[in-house]
């Protein structure tokens, strides 16, 4: 899956395409971000070759948030996927509109 060359290209080094990104470094970066949100530790793991960069983690979280927002807008309702599958919901409580005045 990774692009291999005998010589490194001049300029910015691109090791692989985003569409062929290895899942383990991406998972490790997203997992670290979800647990401690520490930019330095993610970039340190990236320097060791264990994770994607912090910038890539931000790109992925932004893309995921956009997908969720688009799906909610298409369906007209915001409901988590794990709540929708195989669970019969009798009622739900929403405190967004709750006003104490």
N, C-alpha and C. Protein backbone atom coordinates (compact mmCIF):
# COMPACT_ATOMS: atom_id res chain seq x y z
N UNK A 1 0.81 -1.19 0.00
CA UNK A 1 0.00 0.00 0.00
C UNK A 1 0.86 1.26 0.00
N UNK A 2 2.02 1.22 0.64
CA UNK A 2 2.85 2.41 0.70
C UNK A 2 3.61 2.59 -0.60
N UNK A 3 3.87 3.83 -0.96
CA UNK A 3 4.66 4.13 -2.14
C UNK A 3 6.13 3.94 -1.81
N UNK A 4 6.81 3.09 -2.55
CA UNK A 4 8.22 2.81 -2.30
C UNK A 4 9.04 3.30 -3.47
N UNK A 5 10.13 3.99 -3.18
CA UNK A 5 11.05 4.47 -4.22
C UNK A 5 12.46 4.24 -3.73
N UNK A 6 13.36 4.03 -4.68
CA UNK A 6 14.78 3.85 -4.34
C UNK A 6 15.35 5.14 -3.76
N UNK A 7 15.01 6.27 -4.38
CA UNK A 7 15.51 7.57 -3.92
C UNK A 7 14.35 8.39 -3.37
N UNK A 8 14.65 9.18 -2.37
CA UNK A 8 13.63 10.06 -1.82
C UNK A 8 13.42 11.24 -2.76
N UNK A 9 12.17 11.65 -2.98
CA UNK A 9 11.92 12.80 -3.86
C UNK A 9 12.40 14.10 -3.20
N UNK A 10 12.77 15.05 -4.04
CA UNK A 10 13.20 16.35 -3.53
C UNK A 10 11.98 17.13 -3.04
N UNK A 11 12.16 17.95 -2.03
CA UNK A 11 11.06 18.76 -1.52
C UNK A 11 10.28 18.02 -0.44
N UNK A 12 8.99 18.24 -0.43
CA UNK A 12 8.14 17.58 0.57
C UNK A 12 8.07 16.09 0.29
N UNK A 13 8.31 15.30 1.31
CA UNK A 13 8.28 13.85 1.17
C UNK A 13 6.88 13.35 1.50
N UNK A 14 6.26 12.69 0.52
CA UNK A 14 4.95 12.08 0.73
C UNK A 14 5.16 10.58 0.73
N UNK A 15 4.91 9.95 1.87
CA UNK A 15 5.19 8.53 1.99
C UNK A 15 4.06 7.67 1.42
N UNK A 16 2.86 8.16 1.46
CA UNK A 16 1.73 7.41 0.92
C UNK A 16 0.59 8.38 0.61
N UNK A 17 -0.33 7.90 -0.21
CA UNK A 17 -1.50 8.71 -0.54
C UNK A 17 -2.52 8.59 0.59
N UNK A 18 -3.36 9.62 0.73
CA UNK A 18 -4.39 9.59 1.79
C UNK A 18 -5.39 8.47 1.57
N UNK A 19 -5.64 8.12 0.32
CA UNK A 19 -6.59 7.04 0.05
C UNK A 19 -6.00 5.66 0.37
N UNK A 20 -4.67 5.59 0.53
CA UNK A 20 -4.00 4.34 0.88
C UNK A 20 -3.33 4.44 2.24
N UNK A 21 -3.91 5.23 3.11
CA UNK A 21 -3.32 5.48 4.42
C UNK A 21 -3.40 4.23 5.30
N UNK A 22 -2.31 3.83 5.93
CA UNK A 22 -2.36 2.66 6.82
C UNK A 22 -3.27 2.94 8.01
N UNK A 23 -4.11 1.99 8.38
CA UNK A 23 -5.08 2.25 9.44
C UNK A 23 -4.49 2.33 10.85
N UNK A 24 -3.41 1.61 11.13
CA UNK A 24 -2.89 1.60 12.49
C UNK A 24 -2.36 2.96 12.95
N UNK A 25 -1.51 3.66 12.17
CA UNK A 25 -1.07 4.98 12.61
C UNK A 25 -2.22 5.97 12.76
N UNK A 26 -3.21 5.86 11.90
CA UNK A 26 -4.39 6.73 12.00
C UNK A 26 -5.17 6.43 13.26
N UNK A 27 -5.36 5.15 13.55
CA UNK A 27 -6.06 4.76 14.77
C UNK A 27 -5.31 5.23 16.01
N UNK A 28 -3.99 5.06 16.04
CA UNK A 28 -3.21 5.48 17.20
C UNK A 28 -3.30 6.99 17.41
N UNK A 29 -3.23 7.75 16.33
CA UNK A 29 -3.33 9.20 16.44
C UNK A 29 -4.69 9.65 16.96
N UNK A 30 -5.76 9.05 16.40
CA UNK A 30 -7.10 9.40 16.85
C UNK A 30 -7.36 8.94 18.28
N UNK A 31 -6.82 7.79 18.64
CA UNK A 31 -6.98 7.28 19.99
C UNK A 31 -6.27 8.17 21.01
N UNK A 32 -5.04 8.58 20.70
CA UNK A 32 -4.31 9.48 21.60
C UNK A 32 -5.02 10.82 21.73
N UNK A 33 -5.55 11.31 20.62
CA UNK A 33 -6.26 12.58 20.64
C UNK A 33 -7.53 12.48 21.49
N UNK A 34 -8.21 11.35 21.40
CA UNK A 34 -9.43 11.17 22.17
C UNK A 34 -9.17 11.03 23.66
N UNK A 35 -8.01 10.52 24.03
CA UNK A 35 -7.72 10.30 25.44
C UNK A 35 -7.14 11.52 26.14
N UNK A 36 -6.18 12.20 25.48
CA UNK A 36 -5.53 13.31 26.20
C UNK A 36 -5.45 14.62 25.43
N UNK A 37 -5.74 14.61 24.14
CA UNK A 37 -5.73 15.82 23.32
C UNK A 37 -4.42 16.61 23.43
N UNK A 38 -3.32 15.89 23.57
CA UNK A 38 -2.02 16.51 23.73
C UNK A 38 -1.28 16.52 22.39
N UNK A 39 -1.08 17.71 21.85
CA UNK A 39 -0.45 17.87 20.55
C UNK A 39 0.99 17.35 20.57
N UNK A 40 1.70 17.61 21.65
CA UNK A 40 3.11 17.22 21.74
C UNK A 40 3.28 15.69 21.69
N UNK A 41 2.43 14.96 22.40
CA UNK A 41 2.57 13.50 22.41
C UNK A 41 2.22 12.90 21.06
N UNK A 42 1.23 13.46 20.38
CA UNK A 42 0.88 12.95 19.04
C UNK A 42 2.00 13.24 18.06
N UNK A 43 2.57 14.43 18.10
CA UNK A 43 3.67 14.75 17.21
C UNK A 43 4.92 13.94 17.54
N UNK A 44 5.13 13.61 18.81
CA UNK A 44 6.27 12.78 19.19
C UNK A 44 6.10 11.37 18.63
N UNK A 45 4.88 10.83 18.72
CA UNK A 45 4.61 9.52 18.14
C UNK A 45 4.75 9.56 16.62
N UNK A 46 4.38 10.69 16.02
CA UNK A 46 4.53 10.85 14.58
C UNK A 46 6.01 10.86 14.19
N UNK A 47 6.84 11.54 14.99
CA UNK A 47 8.28 11.57 14.71
C UNK A 47 8.90 10.19 14.82
N UNK A 48 8.34 9.33 15.67
CA UNK A 48 8.83 7.96 15.81
C UNK A 48 8.25 7.02 14.75
N UNK A 49 7.31 7.51 13.95
CA UNK A 49 6.71 6.71 12.89
C UNK A 49 5.56 5.84 13.36
N UNK A 50 5.03 6.12 14.55
CA UNK A 50 3.96 5.30 15.10
C UNK A 50 2.57 5.85 14.83
N UNK A 51 2.48 7.12 14.51
CA UNK A 51 1.18 7.77 14.39
C UNK A 51 1.21 8.77 13.23
N UNK A 52 0.04 9.23 12.85
CA UNK A 52 -0.05 10.33 11.89
C UNK A 52 0.20 11.63 12.64
N UNK A 53 0.42 12.70 11.92
CA UNK A 53 0.71 13.99 12.55
C UNK A 53 -0.55 14.57 13.19
N UNK A 54 -0.35 15.53 14.06
CA UNK A 54 -1.47 16.20 14.74
C UNK A 54 -2.35 16.91 13.72
N UNK A 55 -1.73 17.46 12.69
CA UNK A 55 -2.49 18.15 11.65
C UNK A 55 -3.43 17.17 10.94
N UNK A 56 -2.96 15.96 10.68
CA UNK A 56 -3.79 14.94 10.04
C UNK A 56 -4.93 14.50 10.96
N UNK A 57 -4.64 14.40 12.26
CA UNK A 57 -5.68 14.05 13.23
C UNK A 57 -6.77 15.12 13.22
N UNK A 58 -6.37 16.39 13.16
CA UNK A 58 -7.35 17.47 13.10
C UNK A 58 -8.16 17.41 11.82
N UNK A 59 -7.51 17.08 10.69
CA UNK A 59 -8.23 16.94 9.43
C UNK A 59 -9.28 15.84 9.53
N UNK A 60 -8.91 14.70 10.13
CA UNK A 60 -9.83 13.57 10.24
C UNK A 60 -11.00 13.89 11.17
N UNK A 61 -10.74 14.51 12.30
CA UNK A 61 -11.83 14.84 13.21
C UNK A 61 -12.77 15.87 12.59
N UNK A 62 -12.21 16.81 11.84
CA UNK A 62 -13.03 17.80 11.17
C UNK A 62 -13.91 17.13 10.10
N UNK A 63 -13.32 16.20 9.34
CA UNK A 63 -14.08 15.50 8.31
C UNK A 63 -15.19 14.65 8.93
N UNK A 64 -14.90 13.99 10.04
CA UNK A 64 -15.92 13.17 10.71
C UNK A 64 -17.06 14.03 11.25
N UNK A 65 -16.72 15.18 11.83
CA UNK A 65 -17.75 16.10 12.34
C UNK A 65 -18.63 16.62 11.21
N UNK A 66 -18.02 16.93 10.08
CA UNK A 66 -18.77 17.40 8.93
C UNK A 66 -19.72 16.33 8.42
N UNK A 67 -19.25 15.07 8.38
CA UNK A 67 -20.12 13.97 7.94
C UNK A 67 -21.31 13.80 8.87
N UNK A 68 -21.09 13.88 10.17
CA UNK A 68 -22.18 13.74 11.13
C UNK A 68 -23.19 14.88 10.98
N UNK A 69 -22.67 16.10 10.81
CA UNK A 69 -23.57 17.25 10.65
C UNK A 69 -24.37 17.15 9.36
N UNK A 70 -23.75 16.72 8.28
CA UNK A 70 -24.46 16.56 7.01
C UNK A 70 -25.54 15.48 7.11
N UNK A 71 -25.20 14.37 7.77
CA UNK A 71 -26.18 13.29 7.92
C UNK A 71 -27.37 13.75 8.77
N UNK A 72 -27.10 14.48 9.84
CA UNK A 72 -28.18 14.98 10.69
C UNK A 72 -29.06 15.95 9.92
N UNK A 73 -28.45 16.76 9.06
CA UNK A 73 -29.22 17.72 8.28
C UNK A 73 -30.08 17.00 7.24
N UNK A 74 -29.54 15.94 6.62
CA UNK A 74 -30.31 15.18 5.63
C UNK A 74 -31.50 14.48 6.27
N UNK A 75 -31.28 13.88 7.44
CA UNK A 75 -32.34 13.12 8.10
C UNK A 75 -33.28 14.00 8.91
N UNK A 76 -32.84 15.22 9.20
CA UNK A 76 -33.67 16.13 9.96
C UNK A 76 -33.70 15.85 11.45
N UNK A 77 -32.86 14.96 11.92
CA UNK A 77 -32.80 14.62 13.34
C UNK A 77 -31.38 14.20 13.69
N UNK A 78 -30.96 14.52 14.90
CA UNK A 78 -29.64 14.13 15.36
C UNK A 78 -29.80 13.00 16.37
N UNK A 79 -29.37 11.81 15.97
CA UNK A 79 -29.50 10.64 16.82
C UNK A 79 -28.25 9.78 16.64
N UNK A 80 -27.59 9.40 17.73
CA UNK A 80 -26.39 8.57 17.61
C UNK A 80 -26.69 7.22 16.96
N UNK A 81 -25.73 6.73 16.18
CA UNK A 81 -25.93 5.46 15.49
C UNK A 81 -26.15 4.31 16.46
N UNK A 82 -25.43 4.29 17.59
CA UNK A 82 -25.58 3.17 18.52
C UNK A 82 -26.95 3.17 19.18
N UNK A 83 -27.64 4.30 19.21
CA UNK A 83 -28.98 4.37 19.76
C UNK A 83 -30.00 3.87 18.73
N UNK A 84 -29.70 4.03 17.47
CA UNK A 84 -30.65 3.69 16.41
C UNK A 84 -30.71 2.20 16.12
N UNK A 85 -29.60 1.47 16.25
CA UNK A 85 -29.56 0.07 15.86
C UNK A 85 -30.11 -0.84 16.95
N UNK A 86 -31.16 -1.52 16.69
CA UNK A 86 -31.66 -2.56 17.55
C UNK A 86 -32.20 -2.12 18.90
N UNK A 87 -32.41 -0.84 19.10
CA UNK A 87 -32.92 -0.34 20.37
C UNK A 87 -34.25 0.35 20.12
N UNK A 88 -35.26 -0.09 20.82
CA UNK A 88 -36.57 0.55 20.73
C UNK A 88 -36.60 1.71 21.71
N UNK A 89 -36.70 2.92 21.21
CA UNK A 89 -36.69 4.10 22.06
C UNK A 89 -38.11 4.54 22.34
N UNK A 90 -38.48 4.55 23.61
CA UNK A 90 -39.81 4.96 24.01
C UNK A 90 -39.88 6.47 24.11
N UNK A 91 -38.84 7.07 24.65
CA UNK A 91 -38.82 8.52 24.80
C UNK A 91 -37.40 9.02 24.89
N UNK A 92 -37.25 10.29 24.68
CA UNK A 92 -35.93 10.90 24.78
C UNK A 92 -36.09 12.27 25.42
N UNK A 93 -35.06 12.73 26.09
CA UNK A 93 -35.08 14.02 26.76
C UNK A 93 -34.01 14.91 26.17
N UNK A 94 -34.39 16.11 25.87
CA UNK A 94 -33.46 17.07 25.27
C UNK A 94 -33.49 18.34 26.11
N UNK A 95 -32.35 18.74 26.65
CA UNK A 95 -32.31 19.93 27.48
C UNK A 95 -31.72 21.15 26.76
N UNK A 96 -31.61 21.08 25.45
CA UNK A 96 -31.06 22.20 24.70
C UNK A 96 -31.95 23.43 24.81
N UNK A 97 -33.26 23.23 24.76
CA UNK A 97 -34.21 24.34 24.80
C UNK A 97 -34.65 24.69 26.22
N UNK A 98 -34.07 24.03 27.20
CA UNK A 98 -34.48 24.25 28.59
C UNK A 98 -34.03 25.64 29.05
N UNK A 99 -34.97 26.43 29.53
CA UNK A 99 -34.66 27.79 29.97
C UNK A 99 -35.16 27.94 31.41
N UNK A 100 -34.25 28.32 32.31
CA UNK A 100 -34.58 28.41 33.72
C UNK A 100 -35.31 29.72 34.09
N UNK A 101 -35.44 30.66 33.19
CA UNK A 101 -36.02 31.98 33.50
C UNK A 101 -37.48 31.92 33.86
